[in-house]
């Protein structure tokens, strides 16, 4: 996956170029989950990568199924009444980024499609790669 000029999402724009992460150490990962009754969350809604420069990079999906990458601090969780709540908290063991905490980002690659913009982001560390992608409107994280 090569980093190249990103085609722009019609609804959300191009976002930030995540190349600035290269050379920075991943210090912390924060995520948000939708919780409803006693059901286990299926995956994060948002992920924030906090690097050695204290910059927070938010990765999430857009309403048109693009992958949004922006510089943004984690927000507080909130209640959605009968629809459940969104919880925001630091993560470690349960994240695809768990093995990469404390490591330096070696490379960043993006995958785009015309008329939709970014659909995937792959971040390379010494211990492997983490792929962030949009899948049917959901954020999916996987490590390789």
Protein backbone atom coordinates (compact mmCIF):
# COMPACT_ATOMS: atom_id res chain seq x y z
CA UNK A 1 0.00 0.00 0.00
CA UNK A 2 1.60 3.23 -1.14
CA UNK A 3 0.96 6.67 0.19
CA UNK A 4 -0.23 8.92 -2.61
CA UNK A 5 -2.48 11.87 -3.20
CA UNK A 6 -5.84 10.97 -1.72
CA UNK A 7 -9.01 11.38 -3.69
CA UNK A 8 -11.38 13.59 -1.75
CA UNK A 9 -14.53 12.34 -0.06
CA UNK A 10 -17.43 14.44 -1.38
CA UNK A 11 -18.97 14.79 2.12
CA UNK A 12 -15.95 14.94 4.43
CA UNK A 13 -13.11 16.28 2.30
CA UNK A 14 -9.64 14.82 2.21
CA UNK A 15 -8.91 15.00 5.97
CA UNK A 16 -5.31 15.11 7.13
CA UNK A 17 -2.43 13.40 5.42
CA UNK A 18 -1.34 10.85 8.04
CA UNK A 19 2.28 10.88 6.80
CA UNK A 20 3.11 13.12 9.76
CA UNK A 21 2.86 10.00 11.95
CA UNK A 22 6.04 8.55 10.39
CA UNK A 23 8.88 8.77 12.91
CA UNK A 24 6.55 9.31 15.87
CA UNK A 25 6.08 6.80 18.69
CA UNK A 26 2.60 5.48 19.50
CA UNK A 27 2.08 6.40 23.16
CA UNK A 28 -1.61 5.63 23.73
CA UNK A 29 -4.73 4.41 21.96
CA UNK A 30 -8.20 5.63 22.95
CA UNK A 31 -11.41 4.25 21.44
CA UNK A 32 -15.16 4.73 21.57
CA UNK A 33 -17.76 1.94 21.59
CA UNK A 34 -21.52 1.88 21.35
CA UNK A 35 -22.92 -0.03 24.33
CA UNK A 36 -26.50 -1.21 24.47
CA UNK A 37 -27.93 -3.10 27.44
CA UNK A 38 -25.73 -6.11 28.16
CA UNK A 39 -24.68 -6.69 24.54
CA UNK A 40 -20.93 -6.79 23.94
CA UNK A 41 -19.67 -4.05 21.62
CA UNK A 42 -18.81 -5.31 18.16
CA UNK A 43 -15.91 -2.96 17.54
CA UNK A 44 -14.79 0.60 18.03
CA UNK A 45 -16.65 3.52 16.46
CA UNK A 46 -13.58 5.76 16.65
CA UNK A 47 -9.90 5.22 17.44
CA UNK A 48 -7.52 7.97 18.51
CA UNK A 49 -3.78 7.40 18.16
CA UNK A 50 -1.85 9.61 20.57
CA UNK A 51 1.76 9.96 19.51
CA UNK A 52 5.05 11.10 21.07
CA UNK A 53 4.35 14.69 19.97
CA UNK A 54 1.05 14.62 21.97
CA UNK A 55 -0.95 14.79 18.73
CA UNK A 56 -4.24 12.88 18.65
CA UNK A 57 -5.18 11.36 15.29
CA UNK A 58 -8.79 10.23 15.05
CA UNK A 59 -9.73 7.40 12.68
CA UNK A 60 -13.42 6.76 12.07
CA UNK A 61 -15.93 6.10 9.31
CA UNK A 62 -18.07 8.67 7.56
CA UNK A 63 -21.77 8.48 6.83
CA UNK A 64 -20.89 7.68 3.20
CA UNK A 65 -18.57 4.82 4.31
CA UNK A 66 -15.33 6.71 3.71
CA UNK A 67 -12.51 6.50 6.26
CA UNK A 68 -12.01 9.80 8.06
CA UNK A 69 -8.54 10.65 9.39
CA UNK A 70 -8.30 13.92 11.32
CA UNK A 71 -6.34 15.61 14.08
CA UNK A 72 -8.82 15.61 16.95
CA UNK A 73 -8.72 15.03 20.70
CA UNK A 74 -10.86 12.22 22.15
CA UNK A 75 -14.30 13.38 23.22
CA UNK A 76 -16.20 12.36 26.35
CA UNK A 77 -18.64 9.47 26.26
CA UNK A 78 -22.35 10.26 26.18
CA UNK A 79 -25.75 8.77 26.93
CA UNK A 80 -28.24 8.11 24.11
CA UNK A 81 -31.21 7.24 26.37
CA UNK A 82 -32.98 4.08 25.15
CA UNK A 83 -30.42 3.67 22.35
CA UNK A 84 -27.61 2.96 24.81
CA UNK A 85 -24.46 4.98 25.34
CA UNK A 86 -21.09 5.68 23.77
CA UNK A 87 -18.16 4.99 26.04
CA UNK A 88 -14.70 6.44 25.42
CA UNK A 89 -11.63 4.98 27.16
CA UNK A 90 -7.96 4.12 26.69
CA UNK A 91 -7.39 0.64 25.28
CA UNK A 92 -4.46 -1.74 25.32
CA UNK A 93 -4.91 -5.51 25.19
CA UNK A 94 -8.14 -5.52 23.19
CA UNK A 95 -6.82 -3.34 20.37
CA UNK A 96 -5.08 -4.29 17.13
CA UNK A 97 -2.60 -1.60 18.18
CA UNK A 98 -1.71 -3.39 21.47
CA UNK A 99 1.56 -4.88 20.20
CA UNK A 100 2.56 -1.54 18.69
CA UNK A 101 2.30 0.64 21.82
CA UNK A 102 5.66 2.30 22.42
CA UNK A 103 6.82 1.62 18.86
CA UNK A 104 7.69 4.15 16.17
CA UNK A 105 5.61 4.45 13.02
CA UNK A 106 7.80 3.38 10.07
CA UNK A 107 5.37 3.98 7.20
CA UNK A 108 1.79 4.93 6.43
CA UNK A 109 -0.15 3.89 3.34
CA UNK A 110 -3.63 4.81 2.16
CA UNK A 111 -6.13 3.13 -0.12
CA UNK A 112 -8.67 5.24 -1.96
CA UNK A 113 -11.41 4.81 -4.52
CA UNK A 114 -12.65 7.45 -6.96
CA UNK A 115 -15.62 9.52 -5.82
CA UNK A 116 -15.47 8.12 -2.26
CA UNK A 117 -12.03 9.05 -0.98
CA UNK A 118 -10.03 7.11 1.59
CA UNK A 119 -11.28 3.62 2.44
CA UNK A 120 -8.23 2.19 4.25
CA UNK A 121 -5.14 3.25 6.16
CA UNK A 122 -2.26 0.92 6.91
CA UNK A 123 0.30 1.86 9.58
CA UNK A 124 3.60 -0.03 9.73
CA UNK A 125 5.58 -0.58 12.95
CA UNK A 126 8.59 -2.82 13.75
CA UNK A 127 6.26 -5.53 15.09
CA UNK A 128 3.90 -5.48 12.10
CA UNK A 129 1.13 -3.52 10.41
CA UNK A 130 -2.28 -2.35 11.53
CA UNK A 131 -4.94 -1.88 8.88
CA UNK A 132 -7.85 0.48 9.56
CA UNK A 133 -10.65 0.25 7.02
CA UNK A 134 -14.29 0.97 6.49
CA UNK A 135 -16.47 -2.08 5.92
CA UNK A 136 -20.20 -1.54 5.29
CA UNK A 137 -19.96 1.67 7.28
CA UNK A 138 -18.16 0.10 10.25
CA UNK A 139 -14.58 0.72 11.36
CA UNK A 140 -12.51 -2.46 11.14
CA UNK A 141 -9.04 -2.86 12.61
CA UNK A 142 -6.77 -5.79 11.87
CA UNK A 143 -3.11 -6.52 12.53
CA UNK A 144 -0.72 -8.31 10.23
